[in-house]
């Protein structure tokens, strides 16, 4: 919470500093809407927050941020220089130090039918980024290609707020550092992260704030398609890591990586593999065999995240129990 508090206006900062300890530790989102109830998401559950920092069941009792709160928040998020964040405002989010992404909503300004930027911003959604070392430890053996001594071409699938980016971050760390437990005996590989939204590595002046492994190079703030090609040409990675693919240019870059012998781990929004196949660009990639492993993520309350592993055709291969569940939580199909 500490890095986030520095970006909050004094009134809201004081309220959130008084959140109960467990809620502060497990906070996932802070939703600030002008003249509407202050909301937080804790372990997937929405709660409203009163002026004294207590959780309140009735939104009528919640603190309602003022226009001044919103203006001060935007000023702090943009470092008192709104014009330097024109591109971020056009895309609808700002990433702050620590990899925390702040979504924005307000009045869009159009130019030739396309969004130029957002003004009169009245809603902010601060998504809290965390590293969970070991989250991917049980998954890595399931996406490991022993014959190639590398990972399978892997697509991680889930709706928002299920932990895709957190999982991706830990996979990069494990692959880069090398894992030598259980069925897997793996030396560290060169990993390249194309971090378009500065969320995976949370780099500050080119240096990752999160531990993404000793053999990892990060291209920060670069569009994925262009960044993948730049990484292949300049850093010769053995594994590329990218977040949230789905555009035609992403598909072309992934094909180039495949032809260059580079393995890719990427994420995509969707309920499951069938849902992802409903999107034309993603369906084409799957039909062309770009990915040989599909991993569906699903939250199971406080227990953690469950992984369902499929091959490139969608056939179920295994299911892993959430972290913290009973030992031996792997079921073969």
C-alpha atoms as a PDB file:
ATOM      1  CA  UNK A   1       0.000   0.000   0.000  1.00  0.00           C
ATOM      2  CA  UNK A   2       2.802   2.456   0.806  1.00  0.00           C
ATOM      3  CA  UNK A   3       3.712   3.417  -2.801  1.00  0.00           C
ATOM      4  CA  UNK A   4       0.020   3.864  -3.663  1.00  0.00           C
ATOM      5  CA  UNK A   5      -0.706   6.107  -0.679  1.00  0.00           C
ATOM      6  CA  UNK A   6       1.788   8.664  -1.981  1.00  0.00           C
ATOM      7  CA  UNK A   7      -0.466   9.227  -5.030  1.00  0.00           C
ATOM      8  CA  UNK A   8      -3.704   9.701  -3.088  1.00  0.00           C
ATOM      9  CA  UNK A   9      -5.216  13.027  -1.977  1.00  0.00           C
ATOM     10  CA  UNK A  10      -4.866  13.609   1.796  1.00  0.00           C
ATOM     11  CA  UNK A  11      -8.486  12.853   2.744  1.00  0.00           C
ATOM     12  CA  UNK A  12      -8.637   9.510   0.928  1.00  0.00           C
ATOM     13  CA  UNK A  13      -5.115   8.595   2.026  1.00  0.00           C
ATOM     14  CA  UNK A  14      -6.106   9.089   5.661  1.00  0.00           C
ATOM     15  CA  UNK A  15      -9.187   6.899   5.235  1.00  0.00           C
ATOM     16  CA  UNK A  16      -7.298   4.032   3.604  1.00  0.00           C
ATOM     17  CA  UNK A  17      -4.504   4.206   6.177  1.00  0.00           C
ATOM     18  CA  UNK A  18      -7.137   3.245   8.758  1.00  0.00           C
ATOM     19  CA  UNK A  19      -8.331   0.139   6.913  1.00  0.00           C
ATOM     20  CA  UNK A  20      -8.259  -3.036   9.037  1.00  0.00           C
ATOM     21  CA  UNK A  21      -4.902  -4.814   8.761  1.00  0.00           C
ATOM     22  CA  UNK A  22      -6.108  -7.892   6.858  1.00  0.00           C
ATOM     23  CA  UNK A  23      -8.085  -5.787   4.394  1.00  0.00           C
ATOM     24  CA  UNK A  24      -5.056  -3.596   3.662  1.00  0.00           C
ATOM     25  CA  UNK A  25      -2.850  -6.669   3.142  1.00  0.00           C
ATOM     26  CA  UNK A  26      -5.317  -8.316   0.738  1.00  0.00           C
ATOM     27  CA  UNK A  27      -6.472  -5.202  -1.102  1.00  0.00           C
ATOM     28  CA  UNK A  28      -6.848  -5.712  -4.861  1.00  0.00           C
ATOM     29  CA  UNK A  29      -8.564  -2.540  -6.087  1.00  0.00           C
ATOM     30  CA  UNK A  30      -9.437   0.964  -4.919  1.00  0.00           C
ATOM     31  CA  UNK A  31     -12.331   2.536  -6.808  1.00  0.00           C
ATOM     32  CA  UNK A  32     -12.642   6.307  -6.427  1.00  0.00           C
ATOM     33  CA  UNK A  33     -15.672   7.944  -8.062  1.00  0.00           C
ATOM     34  CA  UNK A  34     -16.502  11.616  -7.675  1.00  0.00           C
ATOM     35  CA  UNK A  35     -19.594  12.149  -5.465  1.00  0.00           C
ATOM     36  CA  UNK A  36     -20.162   8.383  -5.205  1.00  0.00           C
ATOM     37  CA  UNK A  37     -19.259   5.838  -2.513  1.00  0.00           C
ATOM     38  CA  UNK A  38     -15.593   4.939  -1.962  1.00  0.00           C
ATOM     39  CA  UNK A  39     -15.180   1.248  -2.830  1.00  0.00           C
ATOM     40  CA  UNK A  40     -12.421  -1.308  -2.366  1.00  0.00           C
ATOM     41  CA  UNK A  41     -12.072  -4.898  -3.575  1.00  0.00           C
ATOM     42  CA  UNK A  42     -10.586  -7.319  -1.061  1.00  0.00           C
ATOM     43  CA  UNK A  43      -9.941 -10.919  -2.201  1.00  0.00           C
ATOM     44  CA  UNK A  44     -12.466 -10.505  -5.006  1.00  0.00           C
ATOM     45  CA  UNK A  45     -15.209  -9.074  -2.772  1.00  0.00           C
ATOM     46  CA  UNK A  46     -16.478  -5.495  -3.108  1.00  0.00           C
ATOM     47  CA  UNK A  47     -16.667  -3.404   0.084  1.00  0.00           C
ATOM     48  CA  UNK A  48     -17.606   0.216   0.762  1.00  0.00           C
ATOM     49  CA  UNK A  49     -15.477   2.317   3.102  1.00  0.00           C
ATOM     50  CA  UNK A  50     -16.660   4.885   5.620  1.00  0.00           C
ATOM     51  CA  UNK A  51     -14.943   8.168   6.456  1.00  0.00           C
ATOM     52  CA  UNK A  52     -13.296   6.520   9.462  1.00  0.00           C
ATOM     53  CA  UNK A  53     -11.760   3.682   7.420  1.00  0.00           C
ATOM     54  CA  UNK A  54     -14.241   1.015   8.493  1.00  0.00           C
ATOM     55  CA  UNK A  55     -15.997  -1.340   6.080  1.00  0.00           C
ATOM     56  CA  UNK A  56     -19.682  -0.444   5.816  1.00  0.00           C
ATOM     57  CA  UNK A  57     -22.400  -2.714   4.369  1.00  0.00           C
ATOM     58  CA  UNK A  58     -24.583   0.205   3.250  1.00  0.00           C
ATOM     59  CA  UNK A  59     -23.145   2.447   0.527  1.00  0.00           C
ATOM     60  CA  UNK A  60     -25.123   5.393   1.931  1.00  0.00           C
ATOM     61  CA  UNK A  61     -22.693   5.368   4.868  1.00  0.00           C
ATOM     62  CA  UNK A  62     -19.564   5.345   2.694  1.00  0.00           C
ATOM     63  CA  UNK A  63     -17.278   8.319   2.123  1.00  0.00           C
ATOM     64  CA  UNK A  64     -18.022  10.142  -1.143  1.00  0.00           C
ATOM     65  CA  UNK A  65     -14.928  11.661  -2.785  1.00  0.00           C
ATOM     66  CA  UNK A  66     -15.295  15.302  -3.778  1.00  0.00           C
ATOM     67  CA  UNK A  67     -14.403  17.006  -7.045  1.00  0.00           C
ATOM     68  CA  UNK A  68     -11.356  18.400  -5.253  1.00  0.00           C
ATOM     69  CA  UNK A  69     -10.313  14.838  -4.337  1.00  0.00           C
ATOM     70  CA  UNK A  70     -10.507  13.829  -7.993  1.00  0.00           C
ATOM     71  CA  UNK A  71      -8.553  16.815  -9.263  1.00  0.00           C
ATOM     72  CA  UNK A  72      -5.848  16.325  -6.639  1.00  0.00           C
ATOM     73  CA  UNK A  73      -5.625  12.607  -7.440  1.00  0.00           C
ATOM     74  CA  UNK A  74      -5.189  13.282 -11.172  1.00  0.00           C
ATOM     75  CA  UNK A  75      -2.575  15.929 -10.406  1.00  0.00           C
ATOM     76  CA  UNK A  76      -0.580  13.482  -8.271  1.00  0.00           C
ATOM     77  CA  UNK A  77      -0.909  10.626 -10.785  1.00  0.00           C
ATOM     78  CA  UNK A  78       0.454  12.791 -13.601  1.00  0.00           C
ATOM     79  CA  UNK A  79       3.243  14.362 -11.560  1.00  0.00           C
ATOM     80  CA  UNK A  80       1.655  17.839 -11.846  1.00  0.00           C
ATOM     81  CA  UNK A  81       2.113  17.701 -15.640  1.00  0.00           C
ATOM     82  CA  UNK A  82      -1.083  16.526 -17.286  1.00  0.00           C
ATOM     83  CA  UNK A  83       0.054  17.210 -20.872  1.00  0.00           C
ATOM     84  CA  UNK A  84       2.927  14.704 -20.597  1.00  0.00           C
ATOM     85  CA  UNK A  85       0.376  11.906 -20.074  1.00  0.00           C
ATOM     86  CA  UNK A  86      -1.641  12.514 -23.263  1.00  0.00           C
ATOM     87  CA  UNK A  87      -0.983   9.003 -24.603  1.00  0.00           C
ATOM     88  CA  UNK A  88      -1.980   7.374 -21.297  1.00  0.00           C
ATOM     89  CA  UNK A  89      -5.144   9.462 -21.140  1.00  0.00           C
ATOM     90  CA  UNK A  90      -5.996   8.382 -24.678  1.00  0.00           C
ATOM     91  CA  UNK A  91      -5.670   4.719 -23.702  1.00  0.00           C
ATOM     92  CA  UNK A  92      -7.639   5.178 -20.475  1.00  0.00           C
ATOM     93  CA  UNK A  93      -5.072   4.221 -17.865  1.00  0.00           C
ATOM     94  CA  UNK A  94      -1.910   5.381 -16.106  1.00  0.00           C
ATOM     95  CA  UNK A  95       0.674   3.005 -14.639  1.00  0.00           C
ATOM     96  CA  UNK A  96       2.360   4.321 -11.504  1.00  0.00           C
ATOM     97  CA  UNK A  97       5.542   3.247  -9.710  1.00  0.00           C
ATOM     98  CA  UNK A  98       5.261  -0.331  -8.464  1.00  0.00           C
ATOM     99  CA  UNK A  99       3.307  -1.530 -11.513  1.00  0.00           C
ATOM    100  CA  UNK A 100      -0.062  -0.386 -10.143  1.00  0.00           C
ATOM    101  CA  UNK A 101      -2.430   0.451 -12.997  1.00  0.00           C
ATOM    102  CA  UNK A 102      -4.986   3.230 -12.606  1.00  0.00           C
ATOM    103  CA  UNK A 103      -7.986   2.981 -14.941  1.00  0.00           C
ATOM    104  CA  UNK A 104      -9.738   6.213 -15.889  1.00  0.00           C
ATOM    105  CA  UNK A 105     -13.266   7.057 -17.028  1.00  0.00           C
ATOM    106  CA  UNK A 106     -14.822  10.372 -17.982  1.00  0.00           C
ATOM    107  CA  UNK A 107     -15.711  12.411 -21.068  1.00  0.00           C
ATOM    108  CA  UNK A 108     -13.907  11.211 -24.186  1.00  0.00           C
ATOM    109  CA  UNK A 109     -12.666  13.691 -26.768  1.00  0.00           C
ATOM    110  CA  UNK A 110     -12.779  12.339 -30.321  1.00  0.00           C
ATOM    111  CA  UNK A 111     -10.740  13.236 -33.388  1.00  0.00           C
ATOM    112  CA  UNK A 112     -11.717  11.716 -36.760  1.00  0.00           C
ATOM    113  CA  UNK A 113     -13.819   9.162 -34.909  1.00  0.00           C
ATOM    114  CA  UNK A 114     -10.995   7.997 -32.617  1.00  0.00           C
ATOM    115  CA  UNK A 115     -10.411   8.739 -28.948  1.00  0.00           C
ATOM    116  CA  UNK A 116      -7.820  11.479 -28.542  1.00  0.00           C
ATOM    117  CA  UNK A 117      -7.946  11.744 -24.753  1.00  0.00           C
ATOM    118  CA  UNK A 118     -10.265  11.731 -21.736  1.00  0.00           C
ATOM    119  CA  UNK A 119     -11.261  14.872 -19.840  1.00  0.00           C
ATOM    120  CA  UNK A 120     -13.606  15.546 -16.908  1.00  0.00           C
ATOM    121  CA  UNK A 121     -12.315  12.350 -15.300  1.00  0.00           C
ATOM    122  CA  UNK A 122     -14.698  11.258 -12.555  1.00  0.00           C
ATOM    123  CA  UNK A 123     -13.770   7.603 -11.979  1.00  0.00           C
ATOM    124  CA  UNK A 124     -10.449   6.013 -11.004  1.00  0.00           C
ATOM    125  CA  UNK A 125      -9.747   2.312 -10.518  1.00  0.00           C
ATOM    126  CA  UNK A 126      -6.402   1.604  -8.838  1.00  0.00           C
ATOM    127  CA  UNK A 127      -5.407  -2.046  -9.339  1.00  0.00           C
ATOM    128  CA  UNK A 128      -2.886  -3.154  -6.728  1.00  0.00           C
ATOM    129  CA  UNK A 129       0.046  -5.096  -8.221  1.00  0.00           C
ATOM    130  CA  UNK A 130       1.771  -7.737  -6.080  1.00  0.00           C
ATOM    131  CA  UNK A 131       4.459 -10.334  -6.526  1.00  0.00           C
ATOM    132  CA  UNK A 132       3.659 -13.814  -5.178  1.00  0.00           C
ATOM    133  CA  UNK A 133       6.907 -15.813  -5.395  1.00  0.00           C
ATOM    134  CA  UNK A 134       6.181 -19.490  -5.958  1.00  0.00           C
ATOM    135  CA  UNK A 135       2.716 -18.971  -7.459  1.00  0.00           C
ATOM    136  CA  UNK A 136       3.805 -20.599 -10.733  1.00  0.00           C
ATOM    137  CA  UNK A 137       5.937 -23.385  -9.261  1.00  0.00           C
ATOM    138  CA  UNK A 138       3.333 -26.146  -9.710  1.00  0.00           C
ATOM    139  CA  UNK A 139       2.348 -24.907 -13.167  1.00  0.00           C
ATOM    140  CA  UNK A 140       5.798 -24.700 -14.756  1.00  0.00           C
ATOM    141  CA  UNK A 141       6.329 -28.489 -15.068  1.00  0.00           C
ATOM    142  CA  UNK A 142       2.965 -28.756 -16.869  1.00  0.00           C
ATOM    143  CA  UNK A 143       4.009 -26.306 -19.602  1.00  0.00           C
ATOM    144  CA  UNK A 144       7.586 -27.566 -19.888  1.00  0.00           C
ATOM    145  CA  UNK A 145       8.619 -29.189 -23.179  1.00  0.00           C
ATOM    146  CA  UNK A 146      11.303 -31.696 -22.156  1.00  0.00           C
ATOM    147  CA  UNK A 147      12.216 -32.557 -25.742  1.00  0.00           C
ATOM    148  CA  UNK A 148      13.070 -28.911 -26.485  1.00  0.00           C
ATOM    149  CA  UNK A 149      14.484 -27.992 -23.072  1.00  0.00           C
ATOM    150  CA  UNK A 150      12.170 -24.999 -23.060  1.00  0.00           C
ATOM    151  CA  UNK A 151       8.578 -24.085 -22.306  1.00  0.00           C
ATOM    152  CA  UNK A 152       5.696 -24.843 -24.630  1.00  0.00           C
ATOM    153  CA  UNK A 153       4.165 -21.954 -26.538  1.00  0.00           C
ATOM    154  CA  UNK A 154       1.692 -21.062 -23.764  1.00  0.00           C
ATOM    155  CA  UNK A 155      -1.422 -18.899 -23.507  1.00  0.00           C
ATOM    156  CA  UNK A 156      -2.767 -17.987 -20.048  1.00  0.00           C
ATOM    157  CA  UNK A 157      -6.525 -17.335 -20.121  1.00  0.00           C
ATOM    158  CA  UNK A 158      -8.848 -15.753 -17.575  1.00  0.00           C
ATOM    159  CA  UNK A 159     -11.240 -12.852 -17.012  1.00  0.00           C
ATOM    160  CA  UNK A 160      -9.810  -9.698 -15.399  1.00  0.00           C
ATOM    161  CA  UNK A 161      -8.689  -9.820 -11.745  1.00  0.00           C
ATOM    162  CA  UNK A 162      -7.858 -13.527 -11.731  1.00  0.00           C
ATOM    163  CA  UNK A 163      -4.083 -13.101 -11.439  1.00  0.00           C
ATOM    164  CA  UNK A 164      -2.805 -13.543 -15.012  1.00  0.00           C
ATOM    165  CA  UNK A 165      -0.148 -10.842 -14.739  1.00  0.00           C
ATOM    166  CA  UNK A 166       0.974 -12.013 -11.286  1.00  0.00           C
ATOM    167  CA  UNK A 167       1.327 -15.559 -12.634  1.00  0.00           C
ATOM    168  CA  UNK A 168       3.168 -14.324 -15.733  1.00  0.00           C
ATOM    169  CA  UNK A 169       5.617 -12.407 -13.536  1.00  0.00           C
ATOM    170  CA  UNK A 170       6.431 -15.485 -11.451  1.00  0.00           C
ATOM    171  CA  UNK A 171       6.802 -17.706 -14.520  1.00  0.00           C
ATOM    172  CA  UNK A 172       9.379 -15.256 -15.889  1.00  0.00           C
ATOM    173  CA  UNK A 173      11.241 -15.346 -12.570  1.00  0.00           C
ATOM    174  CA  UNK A 174      11.299 -19.151 -12.363  1.00  0.00           C
ATOM    175  CA  UNK A 175      12.282 -19.706 -16.003  1.00  0.00           C
ATOM    176  CA  UNK A 176      15.033 -17.109 -15.788  1.00  0.00           C
ATOM    177  CA  UNK A 177      16.459 -18.310 -12.475  1.00  0.00           C
ATOM    178  CA  UNK A 178      16.102 -22.053 -13.152  1.00  0.00           C
ATOM    179  CA  UNK A 179      13.969 -24.537 -11.247  1.00  0.00           C
ATOM    180  CA  UNK A 180      15.213 -27.812  -9.880  1.00  0.00           C
ATOM    181  CA  UNK A 181      12.352 -29.303  -7.917  1.00  0.00           C
ATOM    182  CA  UNK A 182      10.007 -32.221  -8.470  1.00  0.00           C
ATOM    183  CA  UNK A 183       9.728 -33.560 -12.017  1.00  0.00           C
ATOM    184  CA  UNK A 184      11.432 -30.550 -13.522  1.00  0.00           C
ATOM    185  CA  UNK A 185      15.175 -30.128 -13.877  1.00  0.00           C
ATOM    186  CA  UNK A 186      15.628 -26.845 -15.678  1.00  0.00           C
ATOM    187  CA  UNK A 187      18.567 -24.538 -16.114  1.00  0.00           C
ATOM    188  CA  UNK A 188      17.844 -20.829 -16.341  1.00  0.00           C
ATOM    189  CA  UNK A 189      16.909 -19.460 -19.760  1.00  0.00           C
ATOM    190  CA  UNK A 190      17.192 -16.000 -21.268  1.00  0.00           C
ATOM    191  CA  UNK A 191      13.823 -14.287 -20.879  1.00  0.00           C
ATOM    192  CA  UNK A 192      12.626 -11.146 -22.651  1.00  0.00           C
ATOM    193  CA  UNK A 193       9.625  -9.267 -21.226  1.00  0.00           C
ATOM    194  CA  UNK A 194       7.774  -6.802 -23.453  1.00  0.00           C
ATOM    195  CA  UNK A 195       6.032  -4.756 -20.778  1.00  0.00           C
ATOM    196  CA  UNK A 196       3.736  -2.423 -22.698  1.00  0.00           C
ATOM    197  CA  UNK A 197       1.815  -1.246 -19.603  1.00  0.00           C
ATOM    198  CA  UNK A 198       4.774  -1.384 -17.164  1.00  0.00           C
ATOM    199  CA  UNK A 199       2.830  -3.890 -15.061  1.00  0.00           C
ATOM    200  CA  UNK A 200       4.828  -7.116 -15.323  1.00  0.00           C
ATOM    201  CA  UNK A 201       8.220  -5.855 -14.161  1.00  0.00           C
ATOM    202  CA  UNK A 202       7.173  -2.369 -12.929  1.00  0.00           C
ATOM    203  CA  UNK A 203      10.455  -0.910 -14.171  1.00  0.00           C
ATOM    204  CA  UNK A 204      11.685   2.396 -12.775  1.00  0.00           C
ATOM    205  CA  UNK A 205      14.195   4.127 -15.071  1.00  0.00           C
ATOM    206  CA  UNK A 206      14.818   0.845 -16.851  1.00  0.00           C
ATOM    207  CA  UNK A 207      15.315  -1.307 -13.739  1.00  0.00           C
ATOM    208  CA  UNK A 208      12.585  -3.841 -12.773  1.00  0.00           C
ATOM    209  CA  UNK A 209      10.996  -3.188  -9.375  1.00  0.00           C
ATOM    210  CA  UNK A 210       9.757  -6.800  -9.202  1.00  0.00           C
ATOM    211  CA  UNK A 211      12.033  -9.839  -9.184  1.00  0.00           C
ATOM    212  CA  UNK A 212      11.674 -11.214 -12.717  1.00  0.00           C
ATOM    213  CA  UNK A 213      14.824 -13.337 -12.640  1.00  0.00           C
ATOM    214  CA  UNK A 214      18.572 -12.911 -13.183  1.00  0.00           C
ATOM    215  CA  UNK A 215      18.569 -13.657 -16.928  1.00  0.00           C
ATOM    216  CA  UNK A 216      15.630 -11.396 -17.817  1.00  0.00           C
ATOM    217  CA  UNK A 217      15.664  -8.290 -20.011  1.00  0.00           C
ATOM    218  CA  UNK A 218      12.721  -5.886 -20.018  1.00  0.00           C
ATOM    219  CA  UNK A 219      11.513  -3.593 -22.796  1.00  0.00           C
ATOM    220  CA  UNK A 220       9.312  -1.157 -20.896  1.00  0.00           C
ATOM    221  CA  UNK A 221       6.404   0.866 -22.278  1.00  0.00           C
ATOM    222  CA  UNK A 222       6.743  -0.534 -25.801  1.00  0.00           C
ATOM    223  CA  UNK A 223       3.834  -1.826 -27.940  1.00  0.00           C
ATOM    224  CA  UNK A 224       3.849  -5.619 -27.869  1.00  0.00           C
ATOM    225  CA  UNK A 225       4.110  -6.380 -31.573  1.00  0.00           C
ATOM    226  CA  UNK A 226       6.985  -3.992 -32.214  1.00  0.00           C
ATOM    227  CA  UNK A 227       8.616  -4.890 -28.879  1.00  0.00           C
ATOM    228  CA  UNK A 228       8.705  -8.620 -29.622  1.00  0.00           C
ATOM    229  CA  UNK A 229      10.588  -7.996 -32.857  1.00  0.00           C
ATOM    230  CA  UNK A 230      12.973  -5.589 -31.133  1.00  0.00           C
ATOM    231  CA  UNK A 231      13.675  -8.135 -28.390  1.00  0.00           C
ATOM    232  CA  UNK A 232      14.382 -10.942 -30.861  1.00  0.00           C
ATOM    233  CA  UNK A 233      16.782  -8.788 -32.877  1.00  0.00           C
ATOM    234  CA  UNK A 234      18.612  -7.152 -29.974  1.00  0.00           C
ATOM    235  CA  UNK A 235      18.568  -9.503 -26.962  1.00  0.00           C
ATOM    236  CA  UNK A 236      18.186 -13.025 -28.473  1.00  0.00           C
ATOM    237  CA  UNK A 237      15.793 -14.325 -25.790  1.00  0.00           C
ATOM    238  CA  UNK A 238      14.910 -17.988 -25.511  1.00  0.00           C
ATOM    239  CA  UNK A 239      11.500 -17.130 -24.037  1.00  0.00           C
ATOM    240  CA  UNK A 240       9.355 -14.050 -24.694  1.00  0.00           C
ATOM    241  CA  UNK A 241       6.780 -12.932 -22.108  1.00  0.00           C
ATOM    242  CA  UNK A 242       3.923 -10.587 -23.076  1.00  0.00           C
ATOM    243  CA  UNK A 243       0.614  -9.561 -21.529  1.00  0.00           C
ATOM    244  CA  UNK A 244      -2.866  -9.246 -23.055  1.00  0.00           C
ATOM    245  CA  UNK A 245      -2.567 -10.151 -26.738  1.00  0.00           C
ATOM    246  CA  UNK A 246      -5.418 -10.144 -29.240  1.00  0.00           C
ATOM    247  CA  UNK A 247      -4.695  -7.761 -32.107  1.00  0.00           C
ATOM    248  CA  UNK A 248      -3.733  -8.762 -35.643  1.00  0.00           C
ATOM    249  CA  UNK A 249      -0.267  -7.225 -35.267  1.00  0.00           C
ATOM    250  CA  UNK A 250       0.262  -9.342 -32.121  1.00  0.00           C
ATOM    251  CA  UNK A 251      -0.524 -12.472 -34.137  1.00  0.00           C
ATOM    252  CA  UNK A 252       2.000 -11.552 -36.833  1.00  0.00           C
ATOM    253  CA  UNK A 253       4.717 -10.913 -34.238  1.00  0.00           C
ATOM    254  CA  UNK A 254       4.003 -14.219 -32.486  1.00  0.00           C
ATOM    255  CA  UNK A 255       4.350 -16.060 -35.788  1.00  0.00           C
ATOM    256  CA  UNK A 256       7.715 -14.360 -36.374  1.00  0.00           C
ATOM    257  CA  UNK A 257       8.859 -15.400 -32.892  1.00  0.00           C
ATOM    258  CA  UNK A 258       7.765 -18.978 -33.601  1.00  0.00           C
ATOM    259  CA  UNK A 259       9.735 -19.061 -36.869  1.00  0.00           C
ATOM    260  CA  UNK A 260      12.777 -17.646 -35.035  1.00  0.00           C
ATOM    261  CA  UNK A 261      12.676 -20.536 -32.553  1.00  0.00           C
ATOM    262  CA  UNK A 262      11.663 -18.345 -29.617  1.00  0.00           C
ATOM    263  CA  UNK A 263       9.040 -19.686 -27.207  1.00  0.00           C
ATOM    264  CA  UNK A 264       6.304 -17.309 -26.032  1.00  0.00           C
ATOM    265  CA  UNK A 265       4.176 -17.117 -22.901  1.00  0.00           C
ATOM    266  CA  UNK A 266       1.283 -14.681 -23.316  1.00  0.00           C
ATOM    267  CA  UNK A 267      -2.025 -13.833 -21.670  1.00  0.00           C
ATOM    268  CA  UNK A 268      -5.504 -13.181 -23.070  1.00  0.00           C
ATOM    269  CA  UNK A 269      -8.822 -12.159 -21.577  1.00  0.00           C
ATOM    270  CA  UNK A 270     -11.562 -14.803 -21.652  1.00  0.00           C
ATOM    271  CA  UNK A 271     -13.632 -17.108 -19.471  1.00  0.00           C
ATOM    272  CA  UNK A 272     -11.961 -20.184 -20.938  1.00  0.00           C
ATOM    273  CA  UNK A 273     -10.371 -21.556 -24.107  1.00  0.00           C
ATOM    274  CA  UNK A 274     -13.731 -21.802 -25.887  1.00  0.00           C
ATOM    275  CA  UNK A 275     -14.420 -18.137 -25.151  1.00  0.00           C
ATOM    276  CA  UNK A 276     -11.039 -17.087 -26.553  1.00  0.00           C
ATOM    277  CA  UNK A 277     -11.711 -19.089 -29.719  1.00  0.00           C
ATOM    278  CA  UNK A 278     -14.752 -16.888 -30.307  1.00  0.00           C
ATOM    279  CA  UNK A 279     -12.484 -13.937 -31.156  1.00  0.00           C
ATOM    280  CA  UNK A 280     -11.394 -14.012 -34.841  1.00  0.00           C
ATOM    281  CA  UNK A 281      -7.712 -13.149 -34.319  1.00  0.00           C
ATOM    282  CA  UNK A 282      -7.315 -15.559 -31.393  1.00  0.00           C
ATOM    283  CA  UNK A 283      -9.183 -18.325 -33.227  1.00  0.00           C
ATOM    284  CA  UNK A 284      -6.845 -17.959 -36.186  1.00  0.00           C
ATOM    285  CA  UNK A 285      -3.783 -18.219 -33.938  1.00  0.00           C
ATOM    286  CA  UNK A 286      -5.118 -21.348 -32.259  1.00  0.00           C
ATOM    287  CA  UNK A 287      -6.065 -22.946 -35.569  1.00  0.00           C
ATOM    288  CA  UNK A 288      -2.558 -22.236 -36.884  1.00  0.00           C
ATOM    289  CA  UNK A 289      -1.055 -24.002 -33.862  1.00  0.00           C
ATOM    290  CA  UNK A 290       0.717 -20.976 -32.411  1.00  0.00           C
ATOM    291  CA  UNK A 291       0.064 -22.271 -28.874  1.00  0.00           C
ATOM    292  CA  UNK A 292       0.557 -25.847 -27.734  1.00  0.00           C
ATOM    293  CA  UNK A 293      -0.554 -25.213 -24.132  1.00  0.00           C
ATOM    294  CA  UNK A 294      -3.608 -23.287 -22.931  1.00  0.00           C
ATOM    295  CA  UNK A 295      -3.908 -22.562 -19.211  1.00  0.00           C
ATOM    296  CA  UNK A 296      -7.264 -21.447 -17.786  1.00  0.00           C
ATOM    297  CA  UNK A 297      -7.167 -19.611 -14.441  1.00  0.00           C
ATOM    298  CA  UNK A 298     -10.089 -19.606 -12.019  1.00  0.00           C
ATOM    299  CA  UNK A 299     -10.282 -18.107  -8.541  1.00  0.00           C
ATOM    300  CA  UNK A 300     -11.656 -20.380  -5.811  1.00  0.00           C
ATOM    301  CA  UNK A 301     -12.407 -18.043  -2.940  1.00  0.00           C
ATOM    302  CA  UNK A 302      -9.661 -17.675  -0.354  1.00  0.00           C
ATOM    303  CA  UNK A 303      -7.985 -20.928  -1.446  1.00  0.00           C
ATOM    304  CA  UNK A 304      -6.200 -19.411  -4.409  1.00  0.00           C
ATOM    305  CA  UNK A 305      -6.107 -19.895  -8.172  1.00  0.00           C
ATOM    306  CA  UNK A 306      -6.880 -23.176  -9.919  1.00  0.00           C
ATOM    307  CA  UNK A 307      -5.147 -24.019 -13.209  1.00  0.00           C
ATOM    308  CA  UNK A 308      -6.731 -26.108 -15.974  1.00  0.00           C
ATOM    309  CA  UNK A 309      -4.146 -27.123 -18.589  1.00  0.00           C
ATOM    310  CA  UNK A 310      -5.167 -27.982 -22.172  1.00  0.00           C
ATOM    311  CA  UNK A 311      -3.249 -28.754 -25.341  1.00  0.00           C
ATOM    312  CA  UNK A 312      -3.467 -26.494 -28.373  1.00  0.00           C
ATOM    313  CA  UNK A 313      -6.663 -28.175 -29.587  1.00  0.00           C
ATOM    314  CA  UNK A 314      -8.423 -27.592 -26.262  1.00  0.00           C
ATOM    315  CA  UNK A 315      -8.122 -31.160 -24.959  1.00  0.00           C
ATOM    316  CA  UNK A 316      -7.865 -31.167 -21.168  1.00  0.00           C
ATOM    317  CA  UNK A 317      -4.535 -32.521 -19.909  1.00  0.00           C
ATOM    318  CA  UNK A 318      -4.482 -31.735 -16.186  1.00  0.00           C
ATOM    319  CA  UNK A 319      -5.963 -29.653 -13.423  1.00  0.00           C
ATOM    320  CA  UNK A 320      -3.986 -28.197 -10.550  1.00  0.00           C
ATOM    321  CA  UNK A 321      -5.533 -27.446  -7.181  1.00  0.00           C
ATOM    322  CA  UNK A 322      -5.093 -23.898  -5.870  1.00  0.00           C
ATOM    323  CA  UNK A 323      -1.929 -22.945  -4.051  1.00  0.00           C
ATOM    324  CA  UNK A 324      -2.409 -23.778  -0.392  1.00  0.00           C
ATOM    325  CA  UNK A 325      -4.714 -26.703  -1.122  1.00  0.00           C
ATOM    326  CA  UNK A 326      -3.856 -30.259  -0.218  1.00  0.00           C
ATOM    327  CA  UNK A 327      -0.560 -31.692  -1.474  1.00  0.00           C
ATOM    328  CA  UNK A 328      -0.715 -33.616  -4.703  1.00  0.00           C
ATOM    329  CA  UNK A 329      -3.498 -31.476  -6.078  1.00  0.00           C
ATOM    330  CA  UNK A 330      -2.823 -32.532  -9.679  1.00  0.00           C
ATOM    331  CA  UNK A 331      -5.420 -34.570 -11.530  1.00  0.00           C
ATOM    332  CA  UNK A 332      -4.673 -36.096 -14.929  1.00  0.00           C
ATOM    333  CA  UNK A 333      -7.295 -36.264 -17.656  1.00  0.00           C
END
